[in-house]
Protein backbone atom coordinates (compact mmCIF):
# COMPACT_ATOMS: atom_id res chain seq x y z
CA MET A 1 128.34 89.87 116.45
CA LYS A 2 126.52 86.53 116.43
CA ASN A 3 123.32 88.33 116.79
CA PHE A 4 123.82 91.47 114.03
CA LEU A 5 124.47 88.20 111.55
CA ILE A 6 121.19 86.28 112.72
CA TYR A 7 119.53 89.51 112.29
CA ALA A 8 121.13 90.58 109.31
CA LEU A 9 120.54 86.84 107.68
CA ILE A 10 116.56 87.33 109.10
CA GLY A 11 116.23 90.47 107.16
CA LEU A 12 117.88 89.66 104.38
CA GLY A 13 115.37 86.42 104.15
CA VAL A 14 112.13 89.05 104.59
CA ILE A 15 113.55 91.21 101.92
CA THR A 16 113.80 88.07 99.26
CA TYR A 17 110.52 86.60 100.61
CA ASN A 18 108.81 89.93 99.31
CA ILE A 19 110.84 90.36 96.43
CA SER A 20 109.91 86.54 95.21
CA THR A 21 106.44 87.05 96.12
CA GLN A 22 105.91 90.56 94.24
CA ALA A 23 103.69 90.55 91.23
CA ASP A 24 105.74 90.98 87.73
CA ARG A 25 105.16 93.72 85.85
CA ASP A 26 105.56 94.20 81.78
CA GLY A 27 107.60 97.14 80.02
CA ALA A 28 104.23 99.26 80.25
CA GLY A 29 103.93 98.84 83.90
CA ALA A 30 100.73 96.56 83.52
CA ILE A 31 100.75 93.23 85.65
CA VAL A 32 101.19 89.75 84.09
CA SER A 33 101.68 87.44 87.09
CA GLU A 34 100.01 86.89 90.32
CA GLY A 35 101.95 88.41 93.42
CA ASN A 36 101.43 91.28 96.12
CA VAL A 37 100.97 94.65 95.25
CA ASP A 38 102.07 97.58 97.49
CA ALA A 39 98.65 99.68 98.61
CA PHE A 40 101.14 102.65 97.96
CA THR A 41 102.51 101.72 94.70
CA ILE A 42 99.21 100.12 92.92
CA GLN A 43 98.59 101.73 89.48
CA LEU A 44 95.05 102.88 86.94
CA GLY A 45 94.04 99.57 85.17
CA ASP A 46 95.52 97.10 87.91
CA CYS A 47 93.55 94.33 89.03
CA PHE A 48 93.45 92.43 92.28
CA ASP A 49 91.51 90.09 94.20
CA ASN A 50 89.99 90.67 97.65
CA THR A 51 91.59 90.51 100.81
CA SER A 52 89.83 88.76 103.59
CA SER A 53 89.09 92.41 104.70
CA LEU A 54 87.99 93.96 101.66
CA ALA A 55 85.71 90.55 100.80
CA SER A 56 84.07 90.96 104.63
CA GLU A 57 83.97 95.47 104.31
CA GLU A 58 85.59 95.05 107.76
CA THR A 59 87.90 98.39 107.93
CA GLY A 60 90.90 98.09 108.34
CA GLU A 61 94.27 99.09 106.95
CA VAL A 62 95.96 97.24 103.47
CA SER A 63 98.76 97.50 102.75
CA ASN A 64 99.23 94.65 100.35
CA LEU A 65 96.77 93.58 97.53
CA PRO A 66 96.66 90.36 95.33
CA GLY A 67 97.41 91.61 91.99
CA VAL A 68 96.25 89.46 89.44
CA PRO A 69 97.08 90.18 85.42
CA CYS A 70 93.08 91.63 84.38
CA SER A 71 93.01 88.69 81.66
CA GLN A 72 92.78 86.76 84.59
CA PRO A 73 89.74 86.37 87.17
CA HIS A 74 89.61 89.17 89.30
CA ASP A 75 87.62 90.78 91.91
CA ASN A 76 88.39 94.23 91.06
CA GLU A 77 89.76 96.54 89.03
CA VAL A 78 91.53 100.26 89.86
CA PHE A 79 89.67 103.16 87.74
CA ALA A 80 91.07 105.97 89.68
CA ILE A 81 93.48 107.17 91.75
CA PHE A 82 94.22 110.55 93.42
CA ASP A 83 95.18 112.65 96.44
CA LEU A 84 92.32 114.05 98.66
CA ASP A 85 93.01 117.83 99.45
CA GLN A 86 91.73 118.39 102.95
CA PRO A 87 94.14 120.13 105.23
CA THR A 88 93.36 117.30 108.25
CA PHE A 89 92.30 114.46 108.32
CA PRO A 90 88.48 114.97 108.13
CA GLY A 91 87.18 112.36 110.73
CA SER A 92 86.66 107.99 109.45
CA GLU A 93 82.94 108.43 108.62
CA GLU A 94 83.83 111.33 106.21
CA ILE A 95 86.77 110.78 104.58
CA SER A 96 84.52 107.43 103.52
CA GLU A 97 82.29 109.60 102.12
CA LEU A 98 84.65 112.04 100.50
CA SER A 99 86.71 108.78 98.76
CA PHE A 100 83.31 106.94 97.68
CA GLU A 101 81.44 110.66 95.97
CA ALA A 102 85.08 111.50 94.48
CA CYS A 103 85.06 107.83 93.00
CA LEU A 104 81.30 107.75 92.21
CA ASN A 105 82.74 111.37 89.86
CA ARG A 106 85.11 109.53 87.88
CA PHE A 107 82.88 106.14 87.13
CA GLU A 108 81.12 106.72 84.24
CA SER A 109 84.07 108.34 81.86
CA PHE A 110 85.85 104.89 82.57
CA VAL A 111 83.48 102.57 82.61
CA GLY A 112 82.04 103.99 79.96
CA MET A 113 78.25 103.93 82.11
CA ASP A 114 76.67 106.20 84.52
CA TYR A 115 76.75 104.03 88.18
CA GLU A 116 73.45 103.69 88.81
CA SER A 117 72.72 101.94 85.24
CA SER A 118 75.64 100.08 85.47
CA SER A 119 76.18 95.96 86.93
CA LEU A 120 79.47 97.33 88.66
CA ASP A 121 80.10 98.79 91.96
CA ILE A 122 82.44 100.95 93.45
CA ALA A 123 85.11 100.10 96.37
CA ALA A 124 87.39 102.81 97.94
CA LEU A 125 90.74 102.53 99.80
CA TYR A 126 91.54 105.89 101.42
CA PRO A 127 93.67 106.99 104.17
CA SER A 128 93.46 105.67 107.96
CA LYS A 129 93.50 108.51 110.52
CA GLU A 130 97.26 106.96 111.71
CA SER A 131 98.57 106.86 107.20
CA TRP A 132 97.30 110.36 107.74
CA GLY A 133 99.25 111.53 110.43
CA GLN A 134 102.52 109.01 110.26
CA GLN A 135 102.52 108.77 106.70
CA GLY A 136 101.59 111.83 104.93
CA ASP A 137 98.92 109.48 102.88
CA ARG A 138 96.50 111.48 101.03
CA GLU A 139 95.62 108.68 98.23
CA VAL A 140 92.80 107.59 97.26
CA VAL A 141 92.14 104.03 94.83
CA CYS A 142 88.96 103.80 93.18
CA ALA A 143 88.05 99.98 92.21
CA VAL A 144 85.25 98.61 90.37
CA TYR A 145 83.80 95.15 90.99
CA ASP A 146 80.40 92.97 90.20
CA MET A 147 77.84 94.04 92.60
CA ASN A 148 76.60 90.09 92.33
CA ALA A 149 80.48 89.05 93.98
CA GLY A 150 81.14 87.70 90.00
CA LYS A 151 84.71 87.77 89.10
CA LEU A 152 85.75 89.97 86.38
CA THR A 153 88.07 89.40 83.74
CA GLY A 154 89.50 91.84 81.04
CA SER A 155 89.20 95.29 82.23
CA THR A 156 86.15 97.29 82.41
CA ARG A 157 87.57 100.36 80.85
CA ASN A 158 84.78 101.49 78.40
CA SER A 159 82.68 98.34 78.94
CA GLY A 160 79.74 99.92 79.45
CA ILE A 161 78.46 97.16 82.13
């Protein structure tokens, strides 16, 4: 009984910590205060800062992103979210290429300028082999960022930059 109580208290502490560090959203769903955003609940138009793996372009799984209000300086803005329709995991290199190309096809309609002329670049978050197989993950999240490593302020939607 004593161990159960200890585990229950630890579990409650973890839940409380996770809830207290989550980004707050307004009634329309926009992030209004900084905090973690679960990668599976990120929304179109969300702004977030880089994680250490995103900043270094390392491959690896991302479970939370540091969400920030778009009105504050931020590294990235989500401009598209969609599911891949491949029946099986296509392989790490191919899924990276498929995701980037699909994001590229959606870029101009969001930013209001073609990719080649824009000062923005694309970051694609896509399923790993493990999340594909274990969680049925097919979601790709496309985000724009300043290719000169500057911070964005406000939305890039129809910005023409």
